[in-house]
Amino acid sequence: MNRAKLRRVYAFWAPVYNALYERFYRGLRVESIAHLKLQPDDAVLIIGAGTGSDFDLLAGSRIIAVDASTSMLKRSRKRAKRNRVEVLLADGEELPFRDETFDAAVLHLVLTVTPVPQALLAETGRVLRVGGRVAVCDHFAPPPAASGVRRAVSPLTELLGARLDRTFEQMAQGLPFVITRDDWRTKRSYRLLQLRREP
């Protein structure tokens, strides 16, 4: 999916996203962020912030949230102000930050959405300090490769905003991350990962 089409899809979903999905995903988000073990002096980056569902779950000295959809960010601004989150319109595949700026990053439901997930992960690694942690939650295909069913339905689910035929291992190949925690949820529909940025 190209970026223009992706923005149109999320402009459509933005008004109803919280009503349809927020309660369903909250437990996964809570668990994912809890395992980051955020510290009061951590600088935290949220990539694919959406409507701000993660904002009230975070702690840190500086929290920055980015999203490529103006429609989604428009709905996150009240939460951002309440939780002291800085919100920026930015593409996760081309982050406007210096190298090794952040201690932790949150990637919830973004790697199966973004057009080039390898680029988004590479950018995450670039802006994280060595030893930095990443919380990932997404509906990846189980490795080593997506099933025929997932490959068949992904062109349809892409119209709704996400692909189901991506494996984390394929997109992370060659990047400076190690998996420190790996759990599947809801009958292997969702995968929770904790990553550490290596030198």
Protein backbone atom coordinates (compact mmCIF):
# COMPACT_ATOMS: atom_id res chain seq x y z
CA MET A 1 0.00 0.00 0.00
CA ASN A 2 1.40 3.40 -0.91
CA ARG A 3 1.40 6.28 1.55
CA ALA A 4 -1.34 8.29 -0.15
CA LYS A 5 -3.72 5.33 -0.08
CA LEU A 6 -2.76 4.60 3.53
CA ARG A 7 -3.62 8.14 4.56
CA ARG A 8 -7.02 7.86 2.87
CA VAL A 9 -7.74 4.57 4.65
CA TYR A 10 -6.95 6.04 8.07
CA ALA A 11 -8.83 9.25 7.35
CA PHE A 12 -11.84 6.94 6.93
CA TRP A 13 -11.14 4.95 10.12
CA ALA A 14 -10.13 7.84 12.37
CA PRO A 15 -13.65 8.95 13.48
CA VAL A 16 -14.64 5.44 14.57
CA TYR A 17 -11.29 3.88 15.49
CA ASN A 18 -11.60 4.29 19.26
CA ALA A 19 -15.16 3.00 19.38
CA LEU A 20 -14.33 -0.08 17.33
CA TYR A 21 -10.85 -1.06 18.49
CA GLU A 22 -9.59 0.67 21.60
CA ARG A 23 -11.17 -1.60 24.19
CA PHE A 24 -10.16 -4.73 22.25
CA TYR A 25 -6.49 -3.78 22.07
CA ARG A 26 -6.08 -2.19 25.50
CA GLY A 27 -5.01 -5.33 27.34
CA LEU A 28 -2.35 -6.07 24.73
CA ARG A 29 -1.06 -2.50 24.92
CA VAL A 30 -0.91 -2.55 28.73
CA GLU A 31 1.05 -5.79 28.77
CA SER A 32 3.40 -4.70 26.00
CA ILE A 33 4.31 -1.39 27.64
CA ALA A 34 4.60 -2.86 31.14
CA HIS A 35 7.47 -5.07 29.99
CA LEU A 36 9.41 -2.03 28.76
CA LYS A 37 10.01 -1.16 32.43
CA LEU A 38 10.13 2.54 31.65
CA GLN A 39 12.15 4.77 33.96
CA PRO A 40 11.35 8.39 34.93
CA ASP A 41 14.30 9.75 32.93
CA ASP A 42 13.63 7.73 29.75
CA ALA A 43 13.04 9.46 26.44
CA VAL A 44 10.27 7.49 24.70
CA LEU A 45 9.18 7.46 21.05
CA ILE A 46 5.80 6.17 19.84
CA ILE A 47 5.74 5.41 16.12
CA GLY A 48 2.27 5.10 14.60
CA ALA A 49 0.61 6.87 17.51
CA GLY A 50 -2.85 6.82 15.95
CA THR A 51 -5.49 8.29 18.23
CA GLY A 52 -3.20 8.16 21.28
CA SER A 53 -4.34 4.90 22.85
CA ASP A 54 -0.90 4.38 24.43
CA PHE A 55 -0.47 7.84 25.90
CA ASP A 56 -1.91 7.22 29.36
CA LEU A 57 0.13 4.01 29.74
CA LEU A 58 3.54 5.68 29.41
CA ALA A 59 6.01 7.33 31.74
CA GLY A 60 9.23 9.14 30.99
CA SER A 61 11.02 12.47 30.99
CA ARG A 62 10.11 13.13 27.36
CA ILE A 63 7.50 11.32 25.27
CA ILE A 64 7.19 12.02 21.55
CA ALA A 65 4.51 10.47 19.35
CA VAL A 66 4.55 10.46 15.55
CA ASP A 67 2.04 9.41 12.94
CA ALA A 68 1.74 9.96 9.20
CA SER A 69 -2.04 10.53 9.36
CA THR A 70 -3.28 14.02 10.17
CA SER A 71 -6.75 12.57 10.76
CA MET A 72 -5.52 10.22 13.48
CA LEU A 73 -3.31 12.82 15.15
CA LYS A 74 -6.17 15.30 15.24
CA ARG A 75 -7.97 12.89 17.56
CA SER A 76 -4.93 12.32 19.74
CA ARG A 77 -4.21 15.92 20.70
CA LYS A 78 -6.44 16.13 23.80
CA ARG A 79 -4.86 12.98 25.17
CA ALA A 80 -1.42 14.27 24.26
CA LYS A 81 -1.95 17.47 26.24
CA ARG A 82 -3.34 15.59 29.25
CA ASN A 83 -0.39 13.18 29.29
CA ARG A 84 2.34 15.66 28.30
CA VAL A 85 3.06 13.94 25.02
CA GLU A 86 4.60 15.86 22.14
CA VAL A 87 2.76 14.96 18.92
CA LEU A 88 4.37 15.30 15.48
CA LEU A 89 3.24 14.57 11.96
CA ALA A 90 6.03 12.36 10.62
CA ASP A 91 6.62 9.22 8.60
CA GLY A 92 8.04 6.37 10.67
CA GLU A 93 10.21 5.35 7.73
CA GLU A 94 11.94 8.77 7.73
CA LEU A 95 12.09 9.98 11.32
CA PRO A 96 13.12 13.61 11.95
CA PHE A 97 15.40 12.82 14.90
CA ARG A 98 19.12 12.53 15.46
CA ASP A 99 20.84 9.17 15.92
CA GLU A 100 20.58 7.61 19.40
CA THR A 101 18.02 10.09 20.76
CA PHE A 102 15.65 7.71 22.60
CA ASP A 103 15.83 5.10 25.35
CA ALA A 104 12.67 3.23 24.33
CA ALA A 105 10.20 2.97 21.47
CA VAL A 106 6.64 1.71 21.10
CA LEU A 107 5.56 0.09 17.82
CA HIS A 108 1.96 -1.00 18.23
CA LEU A 109 0.04 -2.09 15.13
CA VAL A 110 2.31 -0.19 12.76
CA LEU A 111 4.68 -2.75 11.19
CA THR A 112 1.85 -4.48 9.32
CA VAL A 113 0.55 -1.10 8.16
CA THR A 114 3.58 0.86 6.97
CA PRO A 115 4.53 0.41 3.29
CA VAL A 116 8.15 -0.65 3.98
CA PRO A 117 8.38 -2.15 7.48
CA GLN A 118 12.11 -2.84 7.14
CA ALA A 119 12.68 0.90 6.73
CA LEU A 120 10.60 1.72 9.80
CA LEU A 121 12.51 -0.82 11.91
CA ALA A 122 15.82 0.47 10.61
CA GLU A 123 14.84 4.03 11.55
CA THR A 124 13.78 2.80 15.00
CA GLY A 125 17.22 1.28 15.46
CA ARG A 126 18.92 4.45 14.27
CA VAL A 127 17.18 6.77 16.77
CA LEU A 128 17.52 4.37 19.73
CA ARG A 129 20.55 4.38 21.98
CA VAL A 130 22.51 1.15 22.25
CA GLY A 131 20.65 -0.98 24.76
CA GLY A 132 17.39 0.80 24.01
CA ARG A 133 14.17 -1.23 24.27
CA VAL A 134 11.30 -1.62 21.85
CA ALA A 135 7.74 -2.81 22.57
CA VAL A 136 6.09 -4.39 19.53
CA CYS A 137 2.51 -5.61 19.22
CA ASP A 138 1.12 -6.65 15.87
CA HIS A 139 -0.72 -9.37 13.96
CA PHE A 140 2.32 -10.94 12.32
CA ALA A 141 2.23 -14.20 10.44
CA PRO A 142 3.97 -17.01 12.35
CA PRO A 143 7.47 -17.68 10.98
CA PRO A 144 9.09 -18.86 8.82
CA ALA A 145 6.55 -17.63 6.23
CA ALA A 146 2.91 -16.66 5.95
CA SER A 147 0.40 -19.39 5.23
CA GLY A 148 -1.45 -19.58 1.93
CA VAL A 149 -4.60 -18.32 3.63
CA ARG A 150 -2.84 -15.25 5.01
CA ARG A 151 -1.29 -14.48 1.64
CA ALA A 152 -4.67 -14.85 -0.04
CA VAL A 153 -6.56 -12.53 2.31
CA SER A 154 -3.86 -9.86 2.73
CA PRO A 155 -4.84 -7.90 -0.40
CA LEU A 156 -8.31 -7.61 1.12
CA THR A 157 -7.16 -6.69 4.65
CA GLU A 158 -4.83 -4.12 3.11
CA LEU A 159 -7.93 -2.23 2.00
CA LEU A 160 -8.79 -1.99 5.71
CA GLY A 161 -5.32 -0.71 6.56
CA ALA A 162 -3.06 -3.68 7.37
CA ARG A 163 -1.47 -6.79 5.91
CA LEU A 164 -1.60 -10.23 7.54
CA ASP A 165 1.21 -11.88 5.56
CA ARG A 166 4.25 -10.23 7.16
CA THR A 167 6.59 -12.07 9.50
CA PHE A 168 8.71 -10.15 11.96
CA GLU A 169 11.79 -12.23 11.17
CA GLN A 170 11.70 -11.24 7.50
CA MET A 171 11.41 -7.53 8.19
CA ALA A 172 14.05 -7.52 10.96
CA GLN A 173 16.70 -9.45 9.06
CA GLY A 174 20.10 -7.75 9.30
CA LEU A 175 18.94 -5.08 11.76
CA PRO A 176 20.57 -4.49 15.19
CA PHE A 177 17.87 -6.03 17.38
CA VAL A 178 17.65 -9.08 19.60
CA ILE A 179 14.32 -10.44 20.82
CA THR A 180 14.23 -10.50 24.63
CA ARG A 181 10.59 -11.54 24.99
CA ASP A 182 8.22 -13.26 22.58
CA ASP A 183 4.59 -14.12 23.30
CA TRP A 184 1.60 -14.98 21.11
CA ARG A 185 -1.94 -14.01 22.05
CA THR A 186 -5.52 -14.76 20.92
CA LYS A 187 -4.75 -18.05 19.15
CA ARG A 188 -1.55 -16.74 17.57
CA SER A 189 -3.36 -13.80 16.02
CA TYR A 190 -1.19 -11.24 17.83
CA ARG A 191 2.47 -11.32 18.76
CA LEU A 192 4.01 -9.32 21.61
CA LEU A 193 7.75 -8.76 21.25
CA GLN A 194 10.34 -6.98 23.33
CA LEU A 195 13.50 -6.00 21.50
CA ARG A 196 16.87 -4.65 22.57
CA ARG A 197 18.96 -2.47 20.31
CA GLU A 198 22.44 -3.94 19.93
CA PRO A 199 25.67 -2.09 18.91
